[in-house]
Protein backbone atom coordinates (compact mmCIF):
# COMPACT_ATOMS: atom_id res chain seq x y z
CA UNK A 1 0.11 44.69 46.59
CA UNK A 2 2.13 41.47 46.45
CA UNK A 3 1.23 39.04 49.24
CA UNK A 4 3.80 36.93 51.04
CA UNK A 5 5.21 34.18 48.85
CA UNK A 6 5.58 31.06 50.96
CA UNK A 7 7.21 28.81 48.35
CA UNK A 8 8.60 28.89 44.84
CA UNK A 9 6.48 25.86 43.94
CA UNK A 10 3.55 24.08 45.52
CA UNK A 11 3.06 20.49 44.36
CA UNK A 12 -0.43 19.10 44.92
CA UNK A 13 -0.21 15.34 45.40
CA UNK A 14 2.68 12.96 45.99
CA UNK A 15 2.11 10.15 43.49
CA UNK A 16 4.21 9.44 40.41
CA UNK A 17 3.77 12.94 39.03
CA UNK A 18 4.02 14.86 42.29
CA UNK A 19 6.92 12.95 43.83
CA UNK A 20 9.05 13.27 40.70
CA UNK A 21 8.24 16.98 40.34
CA UNK A 22 9.00 17.75 43.98
CA UNK A 23 12.28 15.86 43.87
CA UNK A 24 13.68 17.42 40.71
CA UNK A 25 12.58 20.97 41.58
CA UNK A 26 14.01 20.76 45.09
CA UNK A 27 17.27 19.41 43.69
CA UNK A 28 17.51 22.56 41.60
CA UNK A 29 17.32 24.73 44.71
CA UNK A 30 13.67 25.82 44.51
CA UNK A 31 11.65 26.00 47.71
CA UNK A 32 9.01 23.28 47.36
CA UNK A 33 5.96 22.29 49.39
CA UNK A 34 4.03 19.08 48.72
CA UNK A 35 0.41 19.10 49.85
CA UNK A 36 -0.87 15.53 50.18
CA UNK A 37 -4.43 14.79 51.26
CA UNK A 38 -3.60 11.38 52.74
CA UNK A 39 -1.53 10.18 55.66
CA UNK A 40 2.15 9.39 55.85
CA UNK A 41 1.79 5.66 56.30
CA UNK A 42 4.27 3.51 58.21
CA UNK A 43 4.43 -0.30 58.02
CA UNK A 44 2.95 -0.66 61.49
CA UNK A 45 -0.06 1.38 60.36
CA UNK A 46 -0.88 -0.45 57.13
CA UNK A 47 -4.49 -1.68 57.08
CA UNK A 48 -4.89 -5.38 57.70
CA UNK A 49 -7.97 -6.01 59.84
CA UNK A 50 -11.58 -5.17 58.94
CA UNK A 51 -11.68 -2.38 61.50
CA UNK A 52 -8.59 -0.64 60.08
CA UNK A 53 -8.62 2.55 58.00
CA UNK A 54 -9.23 1.18 54.52
CA UNK A 55 -11.25 3.84 52.73
CA UNK A 56 -10.98 7.54 51.96
CA UNK A 57 -14.28 9.44 52.20
CA UNK A 58 -15.00 12.47 50.03
CA UNK A 59 -17.91 13.38 52.27
CA UNK A 60 -16.11 13.08 55.61
CA UNK A 61 -12.33 13.12 55.03
CA UNK A 62 -11.83 14.36 58.58
CA UNK A 63 -13.32 11.09 59.85
CA UNK A 64 -12.31 8.60 57.17
CA UNK A 65 -8.94 9.20 55.55
CA UNK A 66 -7.86 5.66 54.79
CA UNK A 67 -5.69 3.74 52.36
CA UNK A 68 -7.73 3.74 49.16
CA UNK A 69 -10.02 6.17 47.36
CA UNK A 70 -12.78 4.15 45.68
CA UNK A 71 -15.20 6.04 43.43
CA UNK A 72 -18.23 4.33 41.91
CA UNK A 73 -19.97 5.77 38.85
CA UNK A 74 -22.50 4.35 36.41
CA UNK A 75 -20.78 1.43 34.65
CA UNK A 76 -17.33 2.20 36.14
CA UNK A 77 -15.51 2.00 39.47
CA UNK A 78 -12.16 3.75 39.98
CA UNK A 79 -9.56 3.00 42.67
CA UNK A 80 -6.69 5.32 43.61
CA UNK A 81 -4.22 5.48 46.49
CA UNK A 82 -4.45 7.94 49.35
CA UNK A 83 -1.27 8.78 51.22
CA UNK A 84 2.27 10.05 50.91
CA UNK A 85 3.44 8.16 47.85
CA UNK A 86 0.07 8.26 46.09
CA UNK A 87 -0.63 5.44 43.67
CA UNK A 88 2.70 3.78 44.39
CA UNK A 89 1.22 2.60 47.69
CA UNK A 90 -1.43 0.43 46.03
CA UNK A 91 -0.16 -0.38 42.54
CA UNK A 92 1.10 -3.80 41.44
CA UNK A 93 4.80 -2.77 41.21
CA UNK A 94 4.87 -2.95 37.40
CA UNK A 95 7.02 -0.15 35.96
CA UNK A 96 7.06 -0.60 32.20
CA UNK A 97 7.59 1.70 29.23
CA UNK A 98 4.75 2.45 26.84
CA UNK A 99 5.44 1.03 23.39
CA UNK A 100 6.57 3.30 20.52
CA UNK A 101 3.32 2.94 18.53
CA UNK A 102 1.43 4.67 21.37
CA UNK A 103 3.13 7.98 20.57
CA UNK A 104 2.42 7.93 16.83
CA UNK A 105 -0.91 9.75 17.20
CA UNK A 106 -2.75 11.92 19.69
CA UNK A 107 0.29 13.44 21.39
CA UNK A 108 1.93 16.86 21.05
CA UNK A 109 4.56 16.84 18.33
CA UNK A 110 7.37 17.19 20.88
CA UNK A 111 6.38 14.03 22.75
CA UNK A 112 7.73 10.89 21.10
CA UNK A 113 8.98 7.59 22.40
CA UNK A 114 12.53 8.67 21.55
CA UNK A 115 12.16 11.97 23.41
CA UNK A 116 10.84 10.17 26.50
CA UNK A 117 13.42 7.39 26.49
CA UNK A 118 16.01 9.25 28.64
CA UNK A 119 13.31 9.96 31.22
CA UNK A 120 12.15 6.34 31.21
CA UNK A 121 15.74 5.41 32.04
CA UNK A 122 15.88 7.95 34.86
CA UNK A 123 12.74 6.56 36.46
CA UNK A 124 13.99 3.00 36.12
CA UNK A 125 17.16 3.88 37.98
CA UNK A 126 15.35 5.77 40.73
CA UNK A 127 12.86 2.95 41.27
CA UNK A 128 15.61 0.29 41.24
CA UNK A 129 13.71 -1.91 38.81
CA UNK A 130 14.24 -5.67 38.86
CA UNK A 131 12.55 -8.78 37.50
CA UNK A 132 11.45 -11.87 39.39
CA UNK A 133 14.56 -14.04 40.00
CA UNK A 134 14.57 -17.44 38.32
CA UNK A 135 14.90 -19.20 41.66
CA UNK A 136 11.69 -17.53 42.91
CA UNK A 137 9.23 -18.20 40.11
CA UNK A 138 5.68 -18.29 41.47
CA UNK A 139 3.05 -20.87 40.61
CA UNK A 140 1.15 -18.14 38.74
CA UNK A 141 4.22 -17.33 36.69
CA UNK A 142 4.68 -21.00 35.78
CA UNK A 143 1.01 -21.35 34.87
CA UNK A 144 1.11 -18.32 32.59
CA UNK A 145 4.28 -19.50 30.89
CA UNK A 146 2.73 -22.91 30.30
CA UNK A 147 -0.41 -21.28 28.89
CA UNK A 148 1.56 -19.03 26.54
CA UNK A 149 3.59 -21.96 25.21
CA UNK A 150 0.60 -24.27 24.82
CA UNK A 151 -1.37 -21.61 22.94
CA UNK A 152 1.52 -20.84 20.59
CA UNK A 153 2.43 -17.51 22.18
CA UNK A 154 5.66 -18.51 23.90
CA UNK A 155 7.60 -15.78 22.10
CA UNK A 156 5.23 -13.15 23.52
CA UNK A 157 5.74 -14.22 27.13
CA UNK A 158 8.10 -12.08 29.21
CA UNK A 159 8.95 -11.03 32.72
CA UNK A 160 7.92 -7.47 33.53
CA UNK A 161 10.12 -4.90 35.31
CA UNK A 162 9.09 -4.46 38.94
CA UNK A 163 9.81 -1.79 41.53
CA UNK A 164 10.64 -4.51 44.03
CA UNK A 165 13.88 -5.43 45.78
CA UNK A 166 14.70 -9.14 45.64
CA UNK A 167 17.43 -11.22 47.25
CA UNK A 168 18.88 -14.21 45.39
CA UNK A 169 19.21 -15.97 48.74
CA UNK A 170 15.44 -16.14 49.16
CA UNK A 171 13.64 -19.35 48.25
CA UNK A 172 10.29 -21.02 48.80
CA UNK A 173 12.28 -23.94 50.18
CA UNK A 174 13.07 -21.95 53.33
CA UNK A 175 11.30 -22.93 56.52
CA UNK A 176 8.23 -20.70 56.95
CA UNK A 177 9.25 -18.84 53.75
CA UNK A 178 6.97 -15.82 54.17
CA UNK A 179 8.23 -14.95 57.62
CA UNK A 180 9.75 -11.47 57.84
CA UNK A 181 12.96 -12.95 59.26
CA UNK A 182 13.88 -13.95 55.69
CA UNK A 183 13.93 -10.35 54.48
CA UNK A 184 17.44 -8.94 54.09
CA UNK A 185 17.73 -5.35 55.26
CA UNK A 186 19.77 -2.82 53.30
CA UNK A 187 20.10 0.94 52.79
CA UNK A 188 19.00 2.18 49.37
CA UNK A 189 20.60 4.89 47.24
CA UNK A 190 18.42 7.55 48.88
CA UNK A 191 19.50 6.54 52.38
CA UNK A 192 16.29 4.67 53.27
CA UNK A 193 16.33 1.30 55.03
CA UNK A 194 14.40 -1.37 53.16
CA UNK A 195 14.04 -5.13 53.17
CA UNK A 196 13.93 -7.68 50.36
CA UNK A 197 10.84 -9.49 49.12
CA UNK A 198 9.48 -12.47 51.05
CA UNK A 199 6.59 -13.11 48.61
CA UNK A 200 3.95 -12.33 51.25
CA UNK A 201 1.52 -11.10 48.57
CA UNK A 202 0.66 -7.82 50.29
CA UNK A 203 1.95 -5.51 47.55
CA UNK A 204 -1.39 -3.70 47.17
CA UNK A 205 -1.98 -3.09 50.87
CA UNK A 206 1.50 -2.11 52.03
CA UNK A 207 4.68 -4.15 52.12
CA UNK A 208 5.56 -4.70 55.77
CA UNK A 209 9.26 -5.31 54.99
CA UNK A 210 9.34 -2.39 52.52
CA UNK A 211 10.67 -4.46 49.64
CA UNK A 212 8.29 -2.53 47.39
CA UNK A 213 10.11 0.57 46.12
CA UNK A 214 7.30 3.03 46.76
CA UNK A 215 7.83 6.75 46.20
CA UNK A 216 8.14 7.44 49.93
CA UNK A 217 11.38 5.43 49.82
CA UNK A 218 13.12 7.17 46.89
CA UNK A 219 11.89 10.32 45.14
CA UNK A 220 10.19 11.84 48.19
CA UNK A 221 13.01 11.42 50.73
CA UNK A 222 15.43 12.77 48.14
CA UNK A 223 13.14 15.79 47.76
CA UNK A 224 13.13 16.27 51.54
CA UNK A 225 16.90 15.95 51.65
CA UNK A 226 17.02 18.99 49.35
CA UNK A 227 14.65 21.02 51.49
CA UNK A 228 11.17 20.12 50.22
CA UNK A 229 8.39 20.15 52.82
CA UNK A 230 5.88 17.32 52.61
CA UNK A 231 2.63 18.05 54.43
CA UNK A 232 0.27 15.07 54.73
CA UNK A 233 -3.43 15.44 55.53
CA UNK A 234 -3.70 18.67 53.52
CA UNK A 235 -6.68 18.51 51.17
CA UNK A 236 -6.46 21.19 48.46
CA UNK A 237 -9.77 22.87 47.69
CA UNK A 238 -9.02 25.78 45.35
CA UNK A 239 -6.35 27.46 43.21
CA UNK A 240 -6.59 31.19 42.61
CA UNK A 241 -4.26 33.19 40.33
CA UNK A 242 -2.92 36.49 41.68
CA UNK A 243 -0.73 39.15 40.06
CA UNK A 244 2.57 37.28 40.37
CA UNK A 245 1.69 34.06 42.14
CA UNK A 246 -1.02 31.52 42.90
CA UNK A 247 -2.96 31.12 46.12
CA UNK A 248 -3.69 27.51 47.09
CA UNK A 249 -6.48 27.01 49.63
CA UNK A 250 -6.66 23.76 51.57
CA UNK A 251 -8.26 22.06 54.55
CA UNK A 252 -5.85 20.53 57.02
CA UNK A 253 -7.28 17.30 58.41
CA UNK A 254 -7.09 17.27 62.20
CA UNK A 255 -7.30 13.54 62.89
CA UNK A 256 -7.37 13.83 66.68
CA UNK A 257 -10.43 16.05 66.73
CA UNK A 258 -11.94 14.87 63.42
CA UNK A 259 -12.26 18.34 61.97
CA UNK A 260 -11.07 20.36 58.98
CA UNK A 261 -8.94 23.47 59.54
CA UNK A 262 -8.83 25.91 56.60
CA UNK A 263 -5.55 27.44 55.46
CA UNK A 264 -3.68 28.64 52.41
CA UNK A 265 -0.20 29.07 50.93
CA UNK A 266 1.07 31.28 48.13
CA UNK A 267 3.58 30.13 45.52
CA UNK A 268 4.98 31.51 42.31
CA UNK A 269 4.15 28.27 40.53
CA UNK A 270 1.89 25.29 41.14
CA UNK A 271 2.13 21.70 39.92
CA UNK A 272 -1.17 19.83 40.11
CA UNK A 273 -0.51 16.12 40.51
CA UNK A 274 -3.50 14.94 42.52
CA UNK A 275 -4.07 11.84 40.40
CA UNK A 276 -6.36 11.69 37.40
CA UNK A 277 -9.58 11.90 39.38
CA UNK A 278 -8.34 14.43 41.93
CA UNK A 279 -6.77 16.75 39.36
CA UNK A 280 -9.81 16.79 37.10
CA UNK A 281 -12.09 17.43 40.04
CA UNK A 282 -9.98 20.28 41.40
CA UNK A 283 -9.64 22.02 38.05
CA UNK A 284 -13.30 21.51 37.14
CA UNK A 285 -14.35 23.09 40.42
CA UNK A 286 -11.94 25.98 39.93
CA UNK A 287 -13.32 26.61 36.44
CA UNK A 288 -17.03 25.78 36.75
CA UNK A 289 -17.89 26.20 40.44
CA UNK A 290 -15.55 28.71 42.10
CA UNK A 291 -14.74 30.58 38.90
CA UNK A 292 -11.09 31.10 39.89
CA UNK A 293 -9.69 29.52 36.69
CA UNK A 294 -12.38 30.40 34.13
CA UNK A 295 -10.09 30.32 31.07
CA UNK A 296 -9.10 26.66 31.31
CA UNK A 297 -9.76 24.88 28.00
CA UNK A 298 -13.24 23.59 27.34
CA UNK A 299 -11.51 20.26 26.71
CA UNK A 300 -11.12 19.78 30.47
CA UNK A 301 -12.66 16.46 31.50
CA UNK A 302 -12.72 14.99 27.98
CA UNK A 303 -10.70 12.01 26.80
CA UNK A 304 -10.93 10.00 30.02
CA UNK A 305 -9.68 6.40 29.78
CA UNK A 306 -9.93 3.31 31.99
CA UNK A 307 -6.92 1.85 30.14
CA UNK A 308 -8.94 -1.24 29.26
CA UNK A 309 -8.45 -2.91 32.66
CA UNK A 310 -10.07 -6.29 33.24
CA UNK A 311 -9.71 -9.31 35.55
CA UNK A 312 -11.01 -12.79 34.72
CA UNK A 313 -10.78 -15.29 37.60
CA UNK A 314 -10.21 -18.91 36.61
CA UNK A 315 -10.61 -21.92 38.89
CA UNK A 316 -8.17 -24.85 38.94
CA UNK A 317 -9.59 -27.44 41.37
CA UNK A 318 -6.82 -29.50 42.89
CA UNK A 319 -4.06 -27.25 41.56
CA UNK A 320 -1.99 -24.96 43.76
CA UNK A 321 -1.94 -21.60 41.96
CA UNK A 322 -1.35 -19.56 45.15
CA UNK A 323 -2.57 -16.11 44.04
CA UNK A 324 -1.84 -14.68 47.50
CA UNK A 325 1.86 -15.47 47.30
CA UNK A 326 4.55 -13.60 45.39
CA UNK A 327 4.53 -10.16 43.75
CA UNK A 328 1.06 -9.14 42.56
CA UNK A 329 2.23 -9.26 38.92
CA UNK A 330 5.45 -10.73 37.55
CA UNK A 331 4.95 -11.64 33.87
CA UNK A 332 2.98 -10.76 30.75
CA UNK A 333 1.93 -11.99 27.31
CA UNK A 334 2.10 -9.11 24.86
CA UNK A 335 -0.66 -8.71 22.25
CA UNK A 336 -0.23 -4.96 21.75
CA UNK A 337 0.69 -5.49 18.09
CA UNK A 338 -3.02 -5.88 17.29
CA UNK A 339 -2.62 -9.30 15.68
CA UNK A 340 -5.45 -10.92 17.68
CA UNK A 341 -8.96 -9.87 16.65
CA UNK A 342 -7.48 -6.59 15.47
CA UNK A 343 -7.26 -5.35 19.07
CA UNK A 344 -4.29 -4.29 21.20
CA UNK A 345 -4.05 -5.67 24.74
CA UNK A 346 -1.59 -6.93 27.37
CA UNK A 347 -2.18 -10.00 29.58
CA UNK A 348 -0.61 -10.31 33.05
CA UNK A 349 -0.58 -12.89 35.81
CA UNK A 350 -2.55 -11.58 38.75
CA UNK A 351 -2.51 -11.86 42.50
CA UNK A 352 -4.23 -10.40 45.53
CA UNK A 353 -3.54 -10.10 49.27
CA UNK A 354 -4.56 -12.87 51.67
CA UNK A 355 -7.03 -10.70 53.56
CA UNK A 356 -8.25 -13.44 55.88
CA UNK A 357 -4.73 -14.56 56.71
CA UNK A 358 -3.67 -10.99 57.43
CA UNK A 359 -6.66 -10.45 59.71
CA UNK A 360 -5.96 -13.66 61.61
CA UNK A 361 -2.29 -12.80 61.97
CA UNK A 362 -3.15 -9.33 63.28
CA UNK A 363 -5.55 -10.94 65.74
CA UNK A 364 -2.95 -13.35 67.06
CA UNK A 365 -0.30 -10.64 67.35
CA UNK A 366 -2.27 -7.71 68.75
CA UNK A 367 -4.86 -9.03 71.17
CA UNK A 368 -4.71 -10.75 74.52
CA UNK A 369 -6.92 -13.54 73.23
CA UNK A 370 -4.44 -13.90 70.43
CA UNK A 371 -2.02 -15.50 72.88
CA UNK A 372 -4.28 -18.54 72.80
CA UNK A 373 -3.58 -18.81 69.08
CA UNK A 374 0.16 -18.17 69.12
CA UNK A 375 0.86 -21.70 67.98
CA UNK A 376 -1.03 -20.98 64.75
CA UNK A 377 1.35 -18.28 63.54
CA UNK A 378 3.20 -20.44 61.06
CA UNK A 379 -0.01 -22.10 59.87
CA UNK A 380 -1.55 -18.70 59.24
CA UNK A 381 1.42 -17.54 57.20
CA UNK A 382 1.60 -20.74 55.17
CA UNK A 383 -2.10 -21.33 54.57
CA UNK A 384 -3.58 -20.23 51.27
CA UNK A 385 -7.36 -20.53 51.36
CA UNK A 386 -7.77 -19.42 47.73
CA UNK A 387 -4.97 -21.47 46.23
CA UNK A 388 -6.97 -22.78 43.26
CA UNK A 389 -7.76 -19.34 41.74
CA UNK A 390 -5.81 -17.66 38.94
CA UNK A 391 -6.84 -14.02 38.43
CA UNK A 392 -5.94 -13.32 34.80
CA UNK A 393 -5.17 -9.60 34.57
CA UNK A 394 -5.05 -7.40 31.50
CA UNK A 395 -5.17 -3.93 29.98
CA UNK A 396 -6.04 -2.78 26.49
CA UNK A 397 -6.13 0.22 24.20
CA UNK A 398 -9.62 1.52 24.89
CA UNK A 399 -11.36 4.39 23.09
CA UNK A 400 -10.46 7.02 25.75
CA UNK A 401 -13.81 8.70 25.14
CA UNK A 402 -15.06 9.22 28.71
CA UNK A 403 -15.96 12.63 30.07
CA UNK A 404 -15.63 13.99 33.61
CA UNK A 405 -17.84 16.91 34.59
CA UNK A 406 -19.56 18.50 37.57
CA UNK A 407 -23.19 17.94 38.46
CA UNK A 408 -25.20 19.20 41.39
CA UNK A 409 -26.14 16.67 44.04
CA UNK A 410 -29.81 15.81 44.50
CA UNK A 411 -29.24 15.72 48.26
CA UNK A 412 -28.52 18.51 50.78
CA UNK A 413 -26.35 20.55 50.85
CA UNK A 414 -26.73 20.25 47.02
CA UNK A 415 -23.03 20.76 46.30
CA UNK A 416 -21.56 20.08 42.90
CA UNK A 417 -19.57 16.86 42.59
CA UNK A 418 -17.71 15.18 39.79
CA UNK A 419 -19.43 12.62 37.62
CA UNK A 420 -18.24 10.37 34.81
CA UNK A 421 -19.97 9.84 31.49
CA UNK A 422 -18.54 6.67 29.97
CA UNK A 423 -19.91 4.30 27.38
CA UNK A 424 -18.51 0.88 26.57
CA UNK A 425 -19.57 0.85 22.93
CA UNK A 426 -16.32 1.98 21.26
CA UNK A 427 -14.17 0.00 23.70
CA UNK A 428 -16.21 -3.21 23.80
CA UNK A 429 -14.27 -5.00 21.06
CA UNK A 430 -10.97 -4.48 22.88
CA UNK A 431 -12.29 -5.66 26.24
CA UNK A 432 -13.98 -8.67 24.68
CA UNK A 433 -10.82 -9.68 22.81
CA UNK A 434 -8.90 -9.50 26.08
CA UNK A 435 -11.55 -11.63 27.84
CA UNK A 436 -11.52 -14.15 25.01
CA UNK A 437 -7.77 -14.54 25.43
CA UNK A 438 -8.16 -14.95 29.20
CA UNK A 439 -10.65 -17.74 28.55
CA UNK A 440 -8.41 -19.42 25.98
CA UNK A 441 -5.36 -19.36 28.26
CA UNK A 442 -7.37 -20.65 31.21
CA UNK A 443 -8.98 -23.51 29.33
CA UNK A 444 -5.77 -24.65 27.65
CA UNK A 445 -4.24 -25.13 31.11
CA UNK A 446 -7.22 -26.95 32.59
CA UNK A 447 -8.87 -23.97 34.25
CA UNK A 448 -12.49 -22.88 34.29
CA UNK A 449 -12.75 -19.14 33.56
CA UNK A 450 -15.49 -17.21 35.30
CA UNK A 451 -16.15 -13.89 33.58
CA UNK A 452 -17.67 -11.55 36.20
CA UNK A 453 -21.45 -11.14 35.89
CA UNK A 454 -20.94 -7.36 36.04
CA UNK A 455 -19.51 -7.64 32.53
CA UNK A 456 -21.87 -10.28 31.14
CA UNK A 457 -24.98 -8.51 32.34
CA UNK A 458 -24.14 -4.81 32.52
CA UNK A 459 -20.77 -4.29 30.77
CA UNK A 460 -19.51 -2.61 33.97
CA UNK A 461 -15.78 -2.22 34.57
CA UNK A 462 -13.35 -1.22 37.31
CA UNK A 463 -9.93 0.38 36.93
CA UNK A 464 -6.91 1.31 39.05
CA UNK A 465 -5.43 3.10 36.00
CA UNK A 466 -7.64 6.13 35.21
CA UNK A 467 -6.08 8.51 32.70
CA UNK A 468 -6.96 11.62 30.72
CA UNK A 469 -9.24 14.59 31.16
CA UNK A 470 -6.40 17.15 31.16
CA UNK A 471 -4.91 15.97 27.91
CA UNK A 472 -1.62 17.19 26.47
CA UNK A 473 -2.04 18.83 23.07
CA UNK A 474 -0.44 21.35 20.75
CA UNK A 475 -3.34 23.78 21.11
CA UNK A 476 -5.92 24.87 23.66
CA UNK A 477 -8.63 23.80 21.24
CA UNK A 478 -7.47 20.18 21.54
CA UNK A 479 -6.24 19.89 25.11
CA UNK A 480 -5.71 21.43 28.53
CA UNK A 481 -1.91 21.53 28.81
CA UNK A 482 0.93 21.91 26.34
CA UNK A 483 3.88 19.54 25.88
CA UNK A 484 5.55 21.15 28.92
CA UNK A 485 2.56 20.33 31.12
CA UNK A 486 1.67 24.02 31.45
CA UNK A 487 -2.03 24.85 31.54
CA UNK A 488 -3.12 26.92 28.55
CA UNK A 489 -3.96 30.54 29.57
CA UNK A 490 -2.35 30.12 33.03
CA UNK A 491 1.45 30.56 32.98
CA UNK A 492 3.10 28.93 35.96
CA UNK A 493 0.29 26.42 36.50
CA UNK A 494 1.28 22.87 35.54
CA UNK A 495 -0.27 19.41 35.55
CA UNK A 496 1.94 16.33 35.93
CA UNK A 497 0.02 13.11 36.48
CA UNK A 498 -2.03 10.52 34.61
CA UNK A 499 -4.65 13.07 33.65
CA UNK A 500 -2.38 14.55 30.94
CA UNK A 501 -2.09 11.30 28.95
CA UNK A 502 -4.05 11.97 25.75
CA UNK A 503 -4.85 8.32 25.04
CA UNK A 504 -4.81 4.84 26.50
CA UNK A 505 -1.42 3.10 26.49
CA UNK A 506 -2.68 -0.46 27.02
CA UNK A 507 -0.38 -1.39 29.90
CA UNK A 508 0.56 -0.16 33.37
CA UNK A 509 0.96 3.65 33.10
CA UNK A 510 3.01 4.61 36.18
CA UNK A 511 6.38 4.75 34.45
CA UNK A 512 5.06 6.87 31.59
CA UNK A 513 3.52 9.27 34.12
CA UNK A 514 6.83 9.48 35.98
CA UNK A 515 8.82 9.97 32.76
CA UNK A 516 6.53 12.80 31.66
CA UNK A 517 6.92 14.40 35.11
CA UNK A 518 10.71 14.14 34.79
CA UNK A 519 10.48 16.00 31.49
CA UNK A 520 7.99 18.61 32.72
CA UNK A 521 10.16 19.44 35.73
CA UNK A 522 12.95 20.55 33.40
CA UNK A 523 10.73 23.38 32.10
CA UNK A 524 9.88 24.77 35.55
CA UNK A 525 12.26 27.37 36.95
């Protein structure tokens, strides 16, 4: 007997895959529900102080459901966002197309750069992409441009497209330039009120003026305008196929009482977009633990990639580099043609939030004792305690040969959890070439590069760009989903996030994920 169908489509996750899917399906008149494990964050709730909700806990999500999901495995750490908007909440704003060579091997025949180009353009329009204005060039931008020119790579240097709203009237010459009063408010194309960038450097921990065009300011409100329901704090546990629909079981996180409340919805179709780690974990558990999706391809979990991410700090004593000011990334030097050491990689200027400054500012604003420090407000905003550091960022085409799988815990209650098998050997040449270029660019501009000991001693890495495990392919023998994102052997079950990328792309993947989701949504009816 057919059970009640609550929705036409349930979308699991609200990052670049989930937000796009929910928006386009709702626009077509389908009833859509988005189940998001994290909170719906507001600027006043963004974490700033040490006691704020920074981390998501897999063991106690009812107690700790914070900003970032950090998973640590042997030789690899992985960071992903947790909240309505998914990875867009914590990423570095870079929204760039993968290069045509990426699609020449490893992809389904139907997926080419040319076939994705219209969807790249759609995402660029929705995210209101811009580049750093010439009158707002940061010290990091200038340093990178100088390095590129001095090393003979001036023709490879370029601004990168950013999902950030800028105002030409902004300038570092303004009095107290990072004060929120310099942000110009406007209403975006989706009817959301945003501000313009004041170069505060907090891109990764929540833009207080909402100059960062996160998904909760474009795709998701447009989805809601067309009837989609977005339910935060709903942690999906299991997907079960029925005769003519899927049952999705979840735990609703009751923050007030710190408890999990079980529930379920039924939908004719399901789009899994829980992020690379979340999607792989959910599907692995459904196949290998619960047994609800036993026919998923044996390729599930294979082909995981860290996208060759690496950061090399360099020190410039006496020079004002100001890594805590400006957009997290604004420019790049492109070596993806493989002309250096035979490896393909992409160098970016890097930044990070001024955590101490944010904590001090929160203290002065939110406590009674803070009144004693009210005269320090401007000094706090203008100080830059780490001004001599340049974090050279980069990504590269790694081997994409990691494997995610379940293993039983050695500790009570002995539940199965996801683990990562990853070996540096086939990717080492790419990472080392990238590091060598970081060192060359730093030294040619008078810096002292400091390669992290975690690499020198252990070859350990960290990534905010995990991809793969549910790879697209033209057959079940080679992948988990087809070119439409539909899971082999399970009609009506789709995957639309970074997990479906069959190989590393060597630069920031968010726009490719969004473009693929735009395309996949067209096949769902």
